[in-house]
């Protein structure tokens, strides 16, 4: 099980296919050392074995369980704060080709327009701890689902303030938030669109207070971009690998769990996290 889990981690870290990963392990001594395989005693699990292992993870939602366990240990170590969240979403492209067994596109994927460009795929909606930038909640939908409609599902029970970009303006007026006593008391600090800024530098002795306030909100909101950067650039997962949102979300749970660990390592807080696991 440990060897298969290490093999699966290699697959998502380097965005490799089942067969491509099997070949990469034979070619890379570093991969062999990480997996702990001695070619004198055993062989690398083949692509079919990895496929069955991935289906096992999907069937029992084990990647989501691992993601929650990582967050529990971050909280136990005192590395994840409470009281505030940042919300955002990103589009994950999907192939629009119909050259497949069914002769049609993935029915769970849809297209949406961002700016002047159309995209086909899914969206990953994410809630991030406002103090540390660690991901605490993710949800997957088709690309045509609006960002603001998922706000209530990205918040924690003890959140008092929420940050977001202009795509979440009006979140506090939505029915699901107005009908929830706990969510209704949250302070929503969403960034305004540039066209909504009214004051000028000449209004208050050379200081544009609207821009200053928006800059302060943006300085907090920008933390939500770091996990997306790790997943989409460092891990290279910019396009969906499977058909269906559930299968892709199984992978995203593991990817964002690993992204939390990467940020923990970069912050030099591995000793506290290891103590939480050993304790």
C-alpha atoms as a PDB file:
ATOM      1  CA  UNK A   1       0.000   0.000   0.000  1.00  0.00           C
ATOM      2  CA  UNK A   2       2.820   2.416   0.848  1.00  0.00           C
ATOM      3  CA  UNK A   3       4.567   1.741  -2.468  1.00  0.00           C
ATOM      4  CA  UNK A   4       1.330   2.291  -4.390  1.00  0.00           C
ATOM      5  CA  UNK A   5       0.614   5.532  -2.524  1.00  0.00           C
ATOM      6  CA  UNK A   6       4.110   6.824  -3.283  1.00  0.00           C
ATOM      7  CA  UNK A   7       3.595   5.849  -6.916  1.00  0.00           C
ATOM      8  CA  UNK A   8       0.279   7.719  -7.025  1.00  0.00           C
ATOM      9  CA  UNK A   9       1.909  10.805  -5.489  1.00  0.00           C
ATOM     10  CA  UNK A  10       4.550  10.747  -8.214  1.00  0.00           C
ATOM     11  CA  UNK A  11       1.798  10.612 -10.801  1.00  0.00           C
ATOM     12  CA  UNK A  12       0.024  13.729  -9.549  1.00  0.00           C
ATOM     13  CA  UNK A  13       3.205  15.667  -8.739  1.00  0.00           C
ATOM     14  CA  UNK A  14       4.604  15.240 -12.255  1.00  0.00           C
ATOM     15  CA  UNK A  15       1.252  14.917 -14.080  1.00  0.00           C
ATOM     16  CA  UNK A  16       2.132  11.587 -15.702  1.00  0.00           C
ATOM     17  CA  UNK A  17      -0.061   8.926 -17.265  1.00  0.00           C
ATOM     18  CA  UNK A  18      -0.186   5.413 -15.816  1.00  0.00           C
ATOM     19  CA  UNK A  19       2.123   3.973 -18.466  1.00  0.00           C
ATOM     20  CA  UNK A  20       4.318   7.083 -18.507  1.00  0.00           C
ATOM     21  CA  UNK A  21       4.903   6.831 -14.758  1.00  0.00           C
ATOM     22  CA  UNK A  22       5.881   3.171 -15.001  1.00  0.00           C
ATOM     23  CA  UNK A  23       8.542   4.049 -17.596  1.00  0.00           C
ATOM     24  CA  UNK A  24       9.720   7.072 -15.591  1.00  0.00           C
ATOM     25  CA  UNK A  25      10.400   4.939 -12.506  1.00  0.00           C
ATOM     26  CA  UNK A  26      12.571   2.571 -14.532  1.00  0.00           C
ATOM     27  CA  UNK A  27      14.476   5.549 -15.963  1.00  0.00           C
ATOM     28  CA  UNK A  28      14.899   7.651 -12.791  1.00  0.00           C
ATOM     29  CA  UNK A  29      17.078   6.559  -9.882  1.00  0.00           C
ATOM     30  CA  UNK A  30      15.511   9.308  -7.712  1.00  0.00           C
ATOM     31  CA  UNK A  31      12.043   7.836  -8.336  1.00  0.00           C
ATOM     32  CA  UNK A  32      13.303   4.376  -7.377  1.00  0.00           C
ATOM     33  CA  UNK A  33      14.838   5.680  -4.132  1.00  0.00           C
ATOM     34  CA  UNK A  34      11.631   7.492  -3.162  1.00  0.00           C
ATOM     35  CA  UNK A  35       9.524   4.403  -3.747  1.00  0.00           C
ATOM     36  CA  UNK A  36      12.014   2.141  -1.957  1.00  0.00           C
ATOM     37  CA  UNK A  37      12.139  -0.419  -4.765  1.00  0.00           C
ATOM     38  CA  UNK A  38      15.070  -2.795  -5.106  1.00  0.00           C
ATOM     39  CA  UNK A  39      15.122  -4.200  -8.639  1.00  0.00           C
ATOM     40  CA  UNK A  40      17.010  -7.269  -7.392  1.00  0.00           C
ATOM     41  CA  UNK A  41      14.000  -8.286  -5.318  1.00  0.00           C
ATOM     42  CA  UNK A  42      10.886  -6.787  -6.930  1.00  0.00           C
ATOM     43  CA  UNK A  43       9.517  -5.020  -9.983  1.00  0.00           C
ATOM     44  CA  UNK A  44       7.756  -1.706 -10.440  1.00  0.00           C
ATOM     45  CA  UNK A  45       3.941  -2.065 -10.223  1.00  0.00           C
ATOM     46  CA  UNK A  46       2.588  -1.866 -13.754  1.00  0.00           C
ATOM     47  CA  UNK A  47       0.122   0.668 -15.169  1.00  0.00           C
ATOM     48  CA  UNK A  48      -2.873  -1.636 -14.599  1.00  0.00           C
ATOM     49  CA  UNK A  49      -2.049  -1.986 -10.906  1.00  0.00           C
ATOM     50  CA  UNK A  50      -1.849   1.795 -10.551  1.00  0.00           C
ATOM     51  CA  UNK A  51      -5.184   2.145 -12.351  1.00  0.00           C
ATOM     52  CA  UNK A  52      -6.849  -0.271  -9.914  1.00  0.00           C
ATOM     53  CA  UNK A  53      -5.285   1.535  -6.950  1.00  0.00           C
ATOM     54  CA  UNK A  54      -6.594   4.895  -8.186  1.00  0.00           C
ATOM     55  CA  UNK A  55     -10.081   3.420  -8.579  1.00  0.00           C
ATOM     56  CA  UNK A  56      -9.821   2.185  -4.998  1.00  0.00           C
ATOM     57  CA  UNK A  57      -9.024   5.709  -3.812  1.00  0.00           C
ATOM     58  CA  UNK A  58     -11.963   7.092  -5.793  1.00  0.00           C
ATOM     59  CA  UNK A  59     -14.424   4.457  -4.601  1.00  0.00           C
ATOM     60  CA  UNK A  60     -13.775   5.110  -0.906  1.00  0.00           C
ATOM     61  CA  UNK A  61     -13.073   8.893  -1.138  1.00  0.00           C
ATOM     62  CA  UNK A  62      -9.658   8.315   0.399  1.00  0.00           C
ATOM     63  CA  UNK A  63      -8.036  11.382  -1.192  1.00  0.00           C
ATOM     64  CA  UNK A  64     -10.602  13.614   0.507  1.00  0.00           C
ATOM     65  CA  UNK A  65      -9.888  11.813   3.787  1.00  0.00           C
ATOM     66  CA  UNK A  66      -6.139  12.442   3.354  1.00  0.00           C
ATOM     67  CA  UNK A  67      -6.809  16.118   2.579  1.00  0.00           C
ATOM     68  CA  UNK A  68      -8.859  16.488   5.776  1.00  0.00           C
ATOM     69  CA  UNK A  69      -6.231  14.636   7.812  1.00  0.00           C
ATOM     70  CA  UNK A  70      -3.498  17.017   6.616  1.00  0.00           C
ATOM     71  CA  UNK A  71      -5.652  19.998   7.622  1.00  0.00           C
ATOM     72  CA  UNK A  72      -6.403  18.437  11.012  1.00  0.00           C
ATOM     73  CA  UNK A  73      -2.683  18.054  11.664  1.00  0.00           C
ATOM     74  CA  UNK A  74      -2.027  21.651  10.558  1.00  0.00           C
ATOM     75  CA  UNK A  75      -4.618  22.840  13.066  1.00  0.00           C
ATOM     76  CA  UNK A  76      -3.250  20.568  15.779  1.00  0.00           C
ATOM     77  CA  UNK A  77       0.219  22.043  15.188  1.00  0.00           C
ATOM     78  CA  UNK A  78      -1.196  25.560  15.464  1.00  0.00           C
ATOM     79  CA  UNK A  79      -0.314  26.392  11.865  1.00  0.00           C
ATOM     80  CA  UNK A  80      -3.849  27.084  10.609  1.00  0.00           C
ATOM     81  CA  UNK A  81      -5.746  30.007  12.066  1.00  0.00           C
ATOM     82  CA  UNK A  82      -9.496  30.484  12.429  1.00  0.00           C
ATOM     83  CA  UNK A  83     -11.943  33.349  12.087  1.00  0.00           C
ATOM     84  CA  UNK A  84     -11.497  34.358   8.449  1.00  0.00           C
ATOM     85  CA  UNK A  85     -11.487  32.874   4.950  1.00  0.00           C
ATOM     86  CA  UNK A  86     -10.646  33.884   1.404  1.00  0.00           C
ATOM     87  CA  UNK A  87     -12.737  32.495  -1.466  1.00  0.00           C
ATOM     88  CA  UNK A  88     -11.829  32.139  -5.115  1.00  0.00           C
ATOM     89  CA  UNK A  89     -12.280  29.836  -8.108  1.00  0.00           C
ATOM     90  CA  UNK A  90     -10.224  28.765 -11.106  1.00  0.00           C
ATOM     91  CA  UNK A  91     -11.163  27.235 -14.445  1.00  0.00           C
ATOM     92  CA  UNK A  92      -9.659  23.855 -15.347  1.00  0.00           C
ATOM     93  CA  UNK A  93      -9.721  23.222 -19.071  1.00  0.00           C
ATOM     94  CA  UNK A  94     -11.193  20.065 -20.538  1.00  0.00           C
ATOM     95  CA  UNK A  95     -10.869  18.683 -24.031  1.00  0.00           C
ATOM     96  CA  UNK A  96     -13.680  19.700 -26.350  1.00  0.00           C
ATOM     97  CA  UNK A  97     -12.888  16.903 -28.801  1.00  0.00           C
ATOM     98  CA  UNK A  98     -15.558  14.339 -29.683  1.00  0.00           C
ATOM     99  CA  UNK A  99     -13.032  11.736 -30.885  1.00  0.00           C
ATOM    100  CA  UNK A 100     -13.792   9.192 -28.183  1.00  0.00           C
ATOM    101  CA  UNK A 101     -15.834   6.058 -27.596  1.00  0.00           C
ATOM    102  CA  UNK A 102     -19.154   7.900 -27.175  1.00  0.00           C
ATOM    103  CA  UNK A 103     -18.509  10.504 -29.876  1.00  0.00           C
ATOM    104  CA  UNK A 104     -19.480  13.404 -27.606  1.00  0.00           C
ATOM    105  CA  UNK A 105     -17.989  15.802 -25.069  1.00  0.00           C
ATOM    106  CA  UNK A 106     -17.912  15.105 -21.359  1.00  0.00           C
ATOM    107  CA  UNK A 107     -21.538  15.836 -20.313  1.00  0.00           C
ATOM    108  CA  UNK A 108     -20.443  17.146 -16.887  1.00  0.00           C
ATOM    109  CA  UNK A 109     -18.196  19.820 -18.396  1.00  0.00           C
ATOM    110  CA  UNK A 110     -19.555  23.094 -19.770  1.00  0.00           C
ATOM    111  CA  UNK A 111     -18.245  26.247 -21.325  1.00  0.00           C
ATOM    112  CA  UNK A 112     -18.077  29.733 -19.875  1.00  0.00           C
ATOM    113  CA  UNK A 113     -16.862  33.128 -20.980  1.00  0.00           C
ATOM    114  CA  UNK A 114     -14.149  34.983 -19.086  1.00  0.00           C
ATOM    115  CA  UNK A 115     -13.247  38.342 -20.518  1.00  0.00           C
ATOM    116  CA  UNK A 116     -13.441  37.934 -24.272  1.00  0.00           C
ATOM    117  CA  UNK A 117     -12.483  34.263 -24.324  1.00  0.00           C
ATOM    118  CA  UNK A 118     -14.534  31.089 -24.008  1.00  0.00           C
ATOM    119  CA  UNK A 119     -13.367  28.143 -21.890  1.00  0.00           C
ATOM    120  CA  UNK A 120     -14.664  24.586 -21.731  1.00  0.00           C
ATOM    121  CA  UNK A 121     -14.182  22.542 -18.577  1.00  0.00           C
ATOM    122  CA  UNK A 122     -14.842  22.692 -14.835  1.00  0.00           C
ATOM    123  CA  UNK A 123     -14.267  25.043 -11.923  1.00  0.00           C
ATOM    124  CA  UNK A 124     -12.533  24.397  -8.635  1.00  0.00           C
ATOM    125  CA  UNK A 125     -13.930  26.640  -5.878  1.00  0.00           C
ATOM    126  CA  UNK A 126     -11.646  27.072  -2.896  1.00  0.00           C
ATOM    127  CA  UNK A 127     -11.786  28.432   0.643  1.00  0.00           C
ATOM    128  CA  UNK A 128      -8.439  29.461   2.125  1.00  0.00           C
ATOM    129  CA  UNK A 129      -7.501  30.402   5.664  1.00  0.00           C
ATOM    130  CA  UNK A 130      -7.116  34.199   5.674  1.00  0.00           C
ATOM    131  CA  UNK A 131      -4.268  34.167   8.180  1.00  0.00           C
ATOM    132  CA  UNK A 132      -1.991  31.504   6.727  1.00  0.00           C
ATOM    133  CA  UNK A 133      -3.110  30.787   3.153  1.00  0.00           C
ATOM    134  CA  UNK A 134      -3.705  27.061   3.727  1.00  0.00           C
ATOM    135  CA  UNK A 135      -6.605  25.516   1.776  1.00  0.00           C
ATOM    136  CA  UNK A 136      -9.386  24.264   4.052  1.00  0.00           C
ATOM    137  CA  UNK A 137     -12.273  23.601   1.600  1.00  0.00           C
ATOM    138  CA  UNK A 138     -12.598  22.823  -2.118  1.00  0.00           C
ATOM    139  CA  UNK A 139     -15.652  22.160  -4.288  1.00  0.00           C
ATOM    140  CA  UNK A 140     -15.922  21.191  -7.952  1.00  0.00           C
ATOM    141  CA  UNK A 141     -18.582  22.287 -10.435  1.00  0.00           C
ATOM    142  CA  UNK A 142     -19.055  22.774 -14.158  1.00  0.00           C
ATOM    143  CA  UNK A 143     -17.389  25.890 -15.561  1.00  0.00           C
ATOM    144  CA  UNK A 144     -20.678  27.718 -16.108  1.00  0.00           C
ATOM    145  CA  UNK A 145     -21.521  27.828 -12.363  1.00  0.00           C
ATOM    146  CA  UNK A 146     -20.976  31.345 -11.017  1.00  0.00           C
ATOM    147  CA  UNK A 147     -18.364  31.935  -8.316  1.00  0.00           C
ATOM    148  CA  UNK A 148     -20.698  33.771  -5.946  1.00  0.00           C
ATOM    149  CA  UNK A 149     -23.235  30.941  -5.883  1.00  0.00           C
ATOM    150  CA  UNK A 150     -20.708  28.668  -4.120  1.00  0.00           C
ATOM    151  CA  UNK A 151     -19.721  31.125  -1.374  1.00  0.00           C
ATOM    152  CA  UNK A 152     -21.757  29.549   1.427  1.00  0.00           C
ATOM    153  CA  UNK A 153     -20.172  26.116   0.827  1.00  0.00           C
ATOM    154  CA  UNK A 154     -16.622  27.443   1.211  1.00  0.00           C
ATOM    155  CA  UNK A 155     -16.984  28.948   4.695  1.00  0.00           C
ATOM    156  CA  UNK A 156     -16.171  27.428   8.083  1.00  0.00           C
ATOM    157  CA  UNK A 157     -18.391  27.445  11.152  1.00  0.00           C
ATOM    158  CA  UNK A 158     -16.327  30.048  13.012  1.00  0.00           C
ATOM    159  CA  UNK A 159     -15.591  32.453  10.140  1.00  0.00           C
ATOM    160  CA  UNK A 160     -16.245  36.093  10.999  1.00  0.00           C
ATOM    161  CA  UNK A 161     -14.878  37.787   7.867  1.00  0.00           C
ATOM    162  CA  UNK A 162     -14.578  36.718   4.220  1.00  0.00           C
ATOM    163  CA  UNK A 163     -12.410  38.181   1.448  1.00  0.00           C
ATOM    164  CA  UNK A 164     -12.874  37.725  -2.293  1.00  0.00           C
ATOM    165  CA  UNK A 165     -12.525  39.388  -5.678  1.00  0.00           C
ATOM    166  CA  UNK A 166     -15.213  41.319  -7.541  1.00  0.00           C
ATOM    167  CA  UNK A 167     -16.800  38.057  -8.728  1.00  0.00           C
ATOM    168  CA  UNK A 168     -18.205  37.629  -5.199  1.00  0.00           C
ATOM    169  CA  UNK A 169     -19.828  41.055  -4.900  1.00  0.00           C
ATOM    170  CA  UNK A 170     -23.331  40.728  -3.499  1.00  0.00           C
ATOM    171  CA  UNK A 171     -22.624  37.413  -1.757  1.00  0.00           C
ATOM    172  CA  UNK A 172     -24.120  38.702   1.493  1.00  0.00           C
ATOM    173  CA  UNK A 173     -27.454  39.305  -0.283  1.00  0.00           C
ATOM    174  CA  UNK A 174     -27.894  35.750  -1.512  1.00  0.00           C
ATOM    175  CA  UNK A 175     -30.816  33.766  -0.151  1.00  0.00           C
ATOM    176  CA  UNK A 176     -28.780  30.908   1.316  1.00  0.00           C
ATOM    177  CA  UNK A 177     -26.704  33.387   3.336  1.00  0.00           C
ATOM    178  CA  UNK A 178     -29.584  35.615   4.414  1.00  0.00           C
ATOM    179  CA  UNK A 179     -31.524  32.582   5.672  1.00  0.00           C
ATOM    180  CA  UNK A 180     -28.591  31.321   7.754  1.00  0.00           C
ATOM    181  CA  UNK A 181     -28.178  33.160  11.045  1.00  0.00           C
ATOM    182  CA  UNK A 182     -24.501  32.277  11.330  1.00  0.00           C
ATOM    183  CA  UNK A 183     -23.615  33.307   7.752  1.00  0.00           C
ATOM    184  CA  UNK A 184     -25.692  36.473   7.986  1.00  0.00           C
ATOM    185  CA  UNK A 185     -23.369  37.881  10.670  1.00  0.00           C
ATOM    186  CA  UNK A 186     -20.197  37.443   8.592  1.00  0.00           C
ATOM    187  CA  UNK A 187     -18.445  40.573   7.300  1.00  0.00           C
ATOM    188  CA  UNK A 188     -17.910  40.311   3.534  1.00  0.00           C
ATOM    189  CA  UNK A 189     -14.920  42.330   2.289  1.00  0.00           C
ATOM    190  CA  UNK A 190     -14.990  41.862  -1.461  1.00  0.00           C
ATOM    191  CA  UNK A 191     -12.767  43.845  -3.807  1.00  0.00           C
ATOM    192  CA  UNK A 192     -14.593  46.387  -5.939  1.00  0.00           C
ATOM    193  CA  UNK A 193     -14.314  46.728  -9.689  1.00  0.00           C
ATOM    194  CA  UNK A 194     -12.150  49.663 -10.875  1.00  0.00           C
ATOM    195  CA  UNK A 195     -15.249  51.374 -12.287  1.00  0.00           C
ATOM    196  CA  UNK A 196     -16.788  51.459  -8.796  1.00  0.00           C
ATOM    197  CA  UNK A 197     -14.015  53.618  -7.299  1.00  0.00           C
ATOM    198  CA  UNK A 198     -15.426  57.127  -6.926  1.00  0.00           C
ATOM    199  CA  UNK A 199     -12.932  59.233  -4.986  1.00  0.00           C
ATOM    200  CA  UNK A 200      -9.892  60.872  -6.582  1.00  0.00           C
ATOM    201  CA  UNK A 201      -6.519  61.815  -5.090  1.00  0.00           C
ATOM    202  CA  UNK A 202      -7.695  65.428  -4.844  1.00  0.00           C
ATOM    203  CA  UNK A 203     -10.665  64.525  -2.634  1.00  0.00           C
ATOM    204  CA  UNK A 204      -8.785  64.053   0.643  1.00  0.00           C
ATOM    205  CA  UNK A 205      -5.512  65.966   0.541  1.00  0.00           C
ATOM    206  CA  UNK A 206      -3.912  63.861  -2.177  1.00  0.00           C
ATOM    207  CA  UNK A 207      -4.953  60.418  -0.810  1.00  0.00           C
ATOM    208  CA  UNK A 208      -7.368  58.232  -2.761  1.00  0.00           C
ATOM    209  CA  UNK A 209      -8.941  56.401   0.147  1.00  0.00           C
ATOM    210  CA  UNK A 210     -10.979  54.064  -2.060  1.00  0.00           C
ATOM    211  CA  UNK A 211      -7.814  52.760  -3.705  1.00  0.00           C
ATOM    212  CA  UNK A 212      -6.047  52.519  -0.352  1.00  0.00           C
ATOM    213  CA  UNK A 213      -8.873  50.413   1.113  1.00  0.00           C
ATOM    214  CA  UNK A 214      -8.974  48.184  -1.973  1.00  0.00           C
ATOM    215  CA  UNK A 215      -5.201  47.712  -1.763  1.00  0.00           C
ATOM    216  CA  UNK A 216      -5.512  46.565   1.844  1.00  0.00           C
ATOM    217  CA  UNK A 217      -8.222  44.057   0.922  1.00  0.00           C
ATOM    218  CA  UNK A 218      -6.191  42.812  -2.046  1.00  0.00           C
ATOM    219  CA  UNK A 219      -3.107  42.317   0.134  1.00  0.00           C
ATOM    220  CA  UNK A 220      -5.100  39.761   2.136  1.00  0.00           C
ATOM    221  CA  UNK A 221      -7.004  38.239  -0.787  1.00  0.00           C
ATOM    222  CA  UNK A 222      -3.827  37.526  -2.794  1.00  0.00           C
ATOM    223  CA  UNK A 223      -2.977  34.566  -0.518  1.00  0.00           C
ATOM    224  CA  UNK A 224      -5.622  32.522  -2.315  1.00  0.00           C
ATOM    225  CA  UNK A 225      -3.546  32.580  -5.508  1.00  0.00           C
ATOM    226  CA  UNK A 226      -0.580  30.690  -4.019  1.00  0.00           C
ATOM    227  CA  UNK A 227      -2.225  27.215  -3.884  1.00  0.00           C
ATOM    228  CA  UNK A 228      -3.505  27.685  -7.443  1.00  0.00           C
ATOM    229  CA  UNK A 229       0.044  28.564  -8.521  1.00  0.00           C
ATOM    230  CA  UNK A 230       1.449  25.391  -6.961  1.00  0.00           C
ATOM    231  CA  UNK A 231      -1.215  23.092  -8.438  1.00  0.00           C
ATOM    232  CA  UNK A 232      -1.364  24.601 -11.926  1.00  0.00           C
ATOM    233  CA  UNK A 233       2.280  25.578 -12.444  1.00  0.00           C
ATOM    234  CA  UNK A 234       4.465  23.488 -10.151  1.00  0.00           C
ATOM    235  CA  UNK A 235       2.370  20.308 -10.446  1.00  0.00           C
ATOM    236  CA  UNK A 236       1.306  21.183 -14.000  1.00  0.00           C
ATOM    237  CA  UNK A 237      -2.369  20.279 -13.603  1.00  0.00           C
ATOM    238  CA  UNK A 238      -3.986  22.825 -15.950  1.00  0.00           C
ATOM    239  CA  UNK A 239      -6.253  20.403 -17.822  1.00  0.00           C
ATOM    240  CA  UNK A 240      -8.572  17.684 -16.615  1.00  0.00           C
ATOM    241  CA  UNK A 241      -7.100  14.189 -16.794  1.00  0.00           C
ATOM    242  CA  UNK A 242     -10.361  12.225 -16.542  1.00  0.00           C
ATOM    243  CA  UNK A 243     -13.988  12.399 -17.604  1.00  0.00           C
ATOM    244  CA  UNK A 244     -16.398  13.519 -14.913  1.00  0.00           C
ATOM    245  CA  UNK A 245     -16.057  16.022 -12.091  1.00  0.00           C
ATOM    246  CA  UNK A 246     -15.877  13.426  -9.278  1.00  0.00           C
ATOM    247  CA  UNK A 247     -12.771  11.707 -10.654  1.00  0.00           C
ATOM    248  CA  UNK A 248     -10.972  15.005 -11.155  1.00  0.00           C
ATOM    249  CA  UNK A 249     -11.969  16.230  -7.694  1.00  0.00           C
ATOM    250  CA  UNK A 250     -10.478  13.075  -6.179  1.00  0.00           C
ATOM    251  CA  UNK A 251      -7.170  14.190  -7.656  1.00  0.00           C
ATOM    252  CA  UNK A 252      -7.635  17.810  -6.604  1.00  0.00           C
ATOM    253  CA  UNK A 253      -8.108  16.815  -2.966  1.00  0.00           C
ATOM    254  CA  UNK A 254      -4.698  15.180  -3.013  1.00  0.00           C
ATOM    255  CA  UNK A 255      -3.123  18.019  -5.001  1.00  0.00           C
ATOM    256  CA  UNK A 256      -4.314  20.753  -2.641  1.00  0.00           C
ATOM    257  CA  UNK A 257      -3.341  18.651   0.358  1.00  0.00           C
ATOM    258  CA  UNK A 258       0.159  18.438  -1.113  1.00  0.00           C
ATOM    259  CA  UNK A 259       0.053  22.189  -1.841  1.00  0.00           C
ATOM    260  CA  UNK A 260      -0.589  22.810   1.874  1.00  0.00           C
ATOM    261  CA  UNK A 261       2.458  20.696   2.702  1.00  0.00           C
ATOM    262  CA  UNK A 262       4.571  22.603   0.149  1.00  0.00           C
ATOM    263  CA  UNK A 263       3.585  25.933   1.741  1.00  0.00           C
ATOM    264  CA  UNK A 264       4.319  24.497   5.184  1.00  0.00           C
ATOM    265  CA  UNK A 265       7.819  23.439   4.046  1.00  0.00           C
ATOM    266  CA  UNK A 266       8.488  26.813   2.416  1.00  0.00           C
ATOM    267  CA  UNK A 267       7.424  28.532   5.629  1.00  0.00           C
ATOM    268  CA  UNK A 268       9.933  26.500   7.629  1.00  0.00           C
ATOM    269  CA  UNK A 269       7.267  24.954   9.880  1.00  0.00           C
ATOM    270  CA  UNK A 270       7.924  21.264   9.261  1.00  0.00           C
ATOM    271  CA  UNK A 271       9.077  20.625  12.849  1.00  0.00           C
ATOM    272  CA  UNK A 272       5.677  21.641  14.262  1.00  0.00           C
ATOM    273  CA  UNK A 273       3.825  19.544  11.674  1.00  0.00           C
ATOM    274  CA  UNK A 274       5.984  16.471  12.327  1.00  0.00           C
ATOM    275  CA  UNK A 275       5.376  16.879  16.055  1.00  0.00           C
ATOM    276  CA  UNK A 276       1.609  16.896  15.406  1.00  0.00           C
ATOM    277  CA  UNK A 277       1.861  13.635  13.449  1.00  0.00           C
ATOM    278  CA  UNK A 278       4.144  11.960  15.995  1.00  0.00           C
ATOM    279  CA  UNK A 279       2.008  13.145  18.901  1.00  0.00           C
END
